Amino acid sequence: MASNPSMIDLTKQARSHEIAIAELQNLPSSRAVYQRNGNLFFRTTVPKATAMEQKQLDSAKAKMKVIQ
């Protein structure tokens, strides 16, 4: 992504994170999931993956507020 993402790009990012959070919430918390970090996937828990997605969602929303 470019160093100055557009509002459309940020909206797509935010929506993607919202969908990932919704999907993770439908899994049992004891289930192992894989989370992408760069080009690698790491095994983690549902609560940790959900927290990371929420953090990324909050970051995208903060950037959207700055652009507006």
N, C-alpha and C. Protein backbone atom coordinates (compact mmCIF):
# COMPACT_ATOMS: atom_id res chain seq x y z
N MET A 1 0.83 -1.18 0.00
CA MET A 1 0.00 0.00 0.00
C MET A 1 0.88 1.24 0.00
N ALA A 2 0.41 2.31 -0.59
CA ALA A 2 1.18 3.55 -0.69
C ALA A 2 1.38 4.17 0.69
N SER A 3 2.35 5.08 0.76
CA SER A 3 2.64 5.72 2.04
C SER A 3 1.51 6.64 2.47
N ASN A 4 0.69 7.09 1.51
CA ASN A 4 -0.44 7.96 1.82
C ASN A 4 -1.72 7.28 1.31
N PRO A 5 -2.26 6.36 2.10
CA PRO A 5 -3.43 5.61 1.63
C PRO A 5 -4.65 6.52 1.49
N SER A 6 -5.45 6.23 0.48
CA SER A 6 -6.65 7.02 0.26
C SER A 6 -7.76 6.56 1.20
N MET A 7 -8.81 7.34 1.24
CA MET A 7 -9.96 7.03 2.09
C MET A 7 -10.59 5.70 1.67
N ILE A 8 -10.62 5.43 0.37
CA ILE A 8 -11.20 4.17 -0.13
C ILE A 8 -10.38 2.98 0.36
N ASP A 9 -9.06 3.11 0.28
CA ASP A 9 -8.19 2.03 0.75
C ASP A 9 -8.37 1.77 2.24
N LEU A 10 -8.47 2.85 3.01
CA LEU A 10 -8.65 2.70 4.46
C LEU A 10 -10.00 2.10 4.79
N THR A 11 -11.02 2.47 4.03
CA THR A 11 -12.36 1.91 4.24
C THR A 11 -12.35 0.41 3.95
N LYS A 12 -11.66 0.01 2.89
CA LYS A 12 -11.55 -1.42 2.55
C LYS A 12 -10.80 -2.17 3.64
N GLN A 13 -9.72 -1.57 4.15
CA GLN A 13 -8.95 -2.18 5.24
C GLN A 13 -9.82 -2.37 6.47
N ALA A 14 -10.54 -1.32 6.84
CA ALA A 14 -11.39 -1.37 8.04
C ALA A 14 -12.46 -2.45 7.88
N ARG A 15 -13.08 -2.52 6.72
CA ARG A 15 -14.12 -3.52 6.48
C ARG A 15 -13.53 -4.94 6.56
N SER A 16 -12.35 -5.11 6.02
CA SER A 16 -11.68 -6.41 6.06
C SER A 16 -11.41 -6.85 7.50
N HIS A 17 -10.97 -5.91 8.34
CA HIS A 17 -10.71 -6.23 9.74
C HIS A 17 -12.01 -6.52 10.49
N GLU A 18 -13.08 -5.80 10.15
CA GLU A 18 -14.38 -6.06 10.78
C GLU A 18 -14.87 -7.46 10.45
N ILE A 19 -14.68 -7.88 9.21
CA ILE A 19 -15.10 -9.22 8.79
C ILE A 19 -14.27 -10.28 9.50
N ALA A 20 -12.96 -10.05 9.60
CA ALA A 20 -12.08 -11.01 10.29
C ALA A 20 -12.48 -11.15 11.75
N ILE A 21 -12.81 -10.05 12.41
CA ILE A 21 -13.23 -10.09 13.81
C ILE A 21 -14.52 -10.89 13.95
N ALA A 22 -15.48 -10.64 13.05
CA ALA A 22 -16.75 -11.37 13.10
C ALA A 22 -16.53 -12.87 12.90
N GLU A 23 -15.65 -13.23 11.98
CA GLU A 23 -15.37 -14.65 11.74
C GLU A 23 -14.68 -15.28 12.95
N LEU A 24 -13.74 -14.57 13.55
CA LEU A 24 -13.04 -15.09 14.72
C LEU A 24 -13.98 -15.27 15.91
N GLN A 25 -14.97 -14.39 16.03
CA GLN A 25 -15.92 -14.49 17.15
C GLN A 25 -16.82 -15.71 17.02
N ASN A 26 -16.93 -16.28 15.82
CA ASN A 26 -17.75 -17.47 15.62
C ASN A 26 -17.00 -18.76 15.90
N LEU A 27 -15.70 -18.66 16.20
CA LEU A 27 -14.91 -19.84 16.50
C LEU A 27 -14.85 -20.05 18.01
N PRO A 28 -14.75 -21.30 18.47
CA PRO A 28 -14.56 -21.53 19.90
C PRO A 28 -13.20 -20.98 20.34
N SER A 29 -13.15 -20.41 21.53
CA SER A 29 -11.91 -19.76 22.00
C SER A 29 -10.77 -20.75 22.19
N SER A 30 -11.06 -22.04 22.30
CA SER A 30 -10.00 -23.03 22.48
C SER A 30 -9.36 -23.44 21.15
N ARG A 31 -9.91 -23.00 20.05
CA ARG A 31 -9.40 -23.39 18.74
C ARG A 31 -8.14 -22.61 18.38
N ALA A 32 -7.19 -23.28 17.77
CA ALA A 32 -5.98 -22.62 17.30
C ALA A 32 -6.24 -22.05 15.91
N VAL A 33 -5.71 -20.87 15.66
CA VAL A 33 -5.85 -20.23 14.36
C VAL A 33 -4.46 -19.78 13.90
N TYR A 34 -4.35 -19.46 12.63
CA TYR A 34 -3.09 -18.99 12.09
C TYR A 34 -3.24 -17.53 11.70
N GLN A 35 -2.26 -16.73 12.12
CA GLN A 35 -2.29 -15.30 11.87
C GLN A 35 -1.10 -14.93 11.00
N ARG A 36 -1.35 -14.13 9.99
CA ARG A 36 -0.28 -13.73 9.07
C ARG A 36 0.53 -12.59 9.68
N ASN A 37 1.84 -12.74 9.61
CA ASN A 37 2.76 -11.70 10.06
C ASN A 37 3.82 -11.58 8.97
N GLY A 38 3.67 -10.59 8.11
CA GLY A 38 4.56 -10.49 6.95
C GLY A 38 4.20 -11.57 5.95
N ASN A 39 5.18 -12.37 5.57
CA ASN A 39 4.93 -13.47 4.63
C ASN A 39 4.79 -14.80 5.33
N LEU A 40 4.79 -14.80 6.66
CA LEU A 40 4.72 -16.03 7.44
C LEU A 40 3.42 -16.11 8.21
N PHE A 41 2.99 -17.33 8.48
CA PHE A 41 1.81 -17.55 9.31
C PHE A 41 2.24 -18.16 10.63
N PHE A 42 1.70 -17.65 11.73
CA PHE A 42 2.03 -18.14 13.05
C PHE A 42 0.77 -18.65 13.74
N ARG A 43 0.89 -19.74 14.44
CA ARG A 43 -0.23 -20.31 15.17
C ARG A 43 -0.47 -19.48 16.43
N THR A 44 -1.71 -19.16 16.69
CA THR A 44 -2.07 -18.36 17.86
C THR A 44 -3.46 -18.76 18.32
N THR A 45 -3.95 -18.10 19.34
CA THR A 45 -5.29 -18.40 19.87
C THR A 45 -6.29 -17.41 19.29
N VAL A 46 -7.55 -17.76 19.37
CA VAL A 46 -8.62 -16.89 18.87
C VAL A 46 -8.62 -15.53 19.58
N PRO A 47 -8.53 -15.49 20.93
CA PRO A 47 -8.53 -14.18 21.60
C PRO A 47 -7.36 -13.28 21.17
N LYS A 48 -6.17 -13.86 20.99
CA LYS A 48 -5.02 -13.06 20.57
C LYS A 48 -5.20 -12.54 19.15
N ALA A 49 -5.70 -13.39 18.27
CA ALA A 49 -5.93 -12.98 16.88
C ALA A 49 -7.01 -11.90 16.81
N THR A 50 -8.06 -12.05 17.62
CA THR A 50 -9.12 -11.05 17.66
C THR A 50 -8.59 -9.71 18.16
N ALA A 51 -7.77 -9.75 19.19
CA ALA A 51 -7.19 -8.52 19.74
C ALA A 51 -6.32 -7.83 18.70
N MET A 52 -5.55 -8.58 17.95
CA MET A 52 -4.68 -8.00 16.92
C MET A 52 -5.51 -7.38 15.80
N GLU A 53 -6.56 -8.06 15.37
CA GLU A 53 -7.43 -7.51 14.34
C GLU A 53 -8.12 -6.23 14.83
N GLN A 54 -8.54 -6.22 16.09
CA GLN A 54 -9.18 -5.04 16.66
C GLN A 54 -8.20 -3.86 16.70
N LYS A 55 -6.96 -4.15 17.03
CA LYS A 55 -5.92 -3.12 17.06
C LYS A 55 -5.71 -2.53 15.67
N GLN A 56 -5.68 -3.40 14.66
CA GLN A 56 -5.50 -2.93 13.28
C GLN A 56 -6.72 -2.15 12.80
N LEU A 57 -7.92 -2.57 13.23
CA LEU A 57 -9.14 -1.86 12.89
C LEU A 57 -9.12 -0.45 13.50
N ASP A 58 -8.75 -0.37 14.76
CA ASP A 58 -8.67 0.93 15.43
C ASP A 58 -7.66 1.84 14.74
N SER A 59 -6.55 1.29 14.31
CA SER A 59 -5.53 2.06 13.61
C SER A 59 -6.07 2.60 12.28
N ALA A 60 -6.77 1.77 11.53
CA ALA A 60 -7.33 2.20 10.25
C ALA A 60 -8.38 3.29 10.47
N LYS A 61 -9.21 3.14 11.50
CA LYS A 61 -10.23 4.16 11.78
C LYS A 61 -9.59 5.47 12.21
N ALA A 62 -8.50 5.41 12.96
CA ALA A 62 -7.80 6.63 13.38
C ALA A 62 -7.22 7.35 12.16
N LYS A 63 -6.67 6.59 11.21
CA LYS A 63 -6.12 7.20 10.01
C LYS A 63 -7.25 7.83 9.17
N MET A 64 -8.42 7.20 9.16
CA MET A 64 -9.55 7.75 8.43
C MET A 64 -9.99 9.08 9.02
N LYS A 65 -9.94 9.20 10.34
CA LYS A 65 -10.32 10.46 10.99
C LYS A 65 -9.34 11.57 10.65
N VAL A 66 -8.06 11.24 10.54
CA VAL A 66 -7.04 12.24 10.21
C VAL A 66 -7.26 12.75 8.79
N ILE A 67 -7.62 11.87 7.87
CA ILE A 67 -7.82 12.26 6.46
C ILE A 67 -9.05 13.16 6.32
N GLN A 68 -10.09 12.90 7.09
CA GLN A 68 -11.33 13.69 6.98
C GLN A 68 -11.05 15.03 7.46
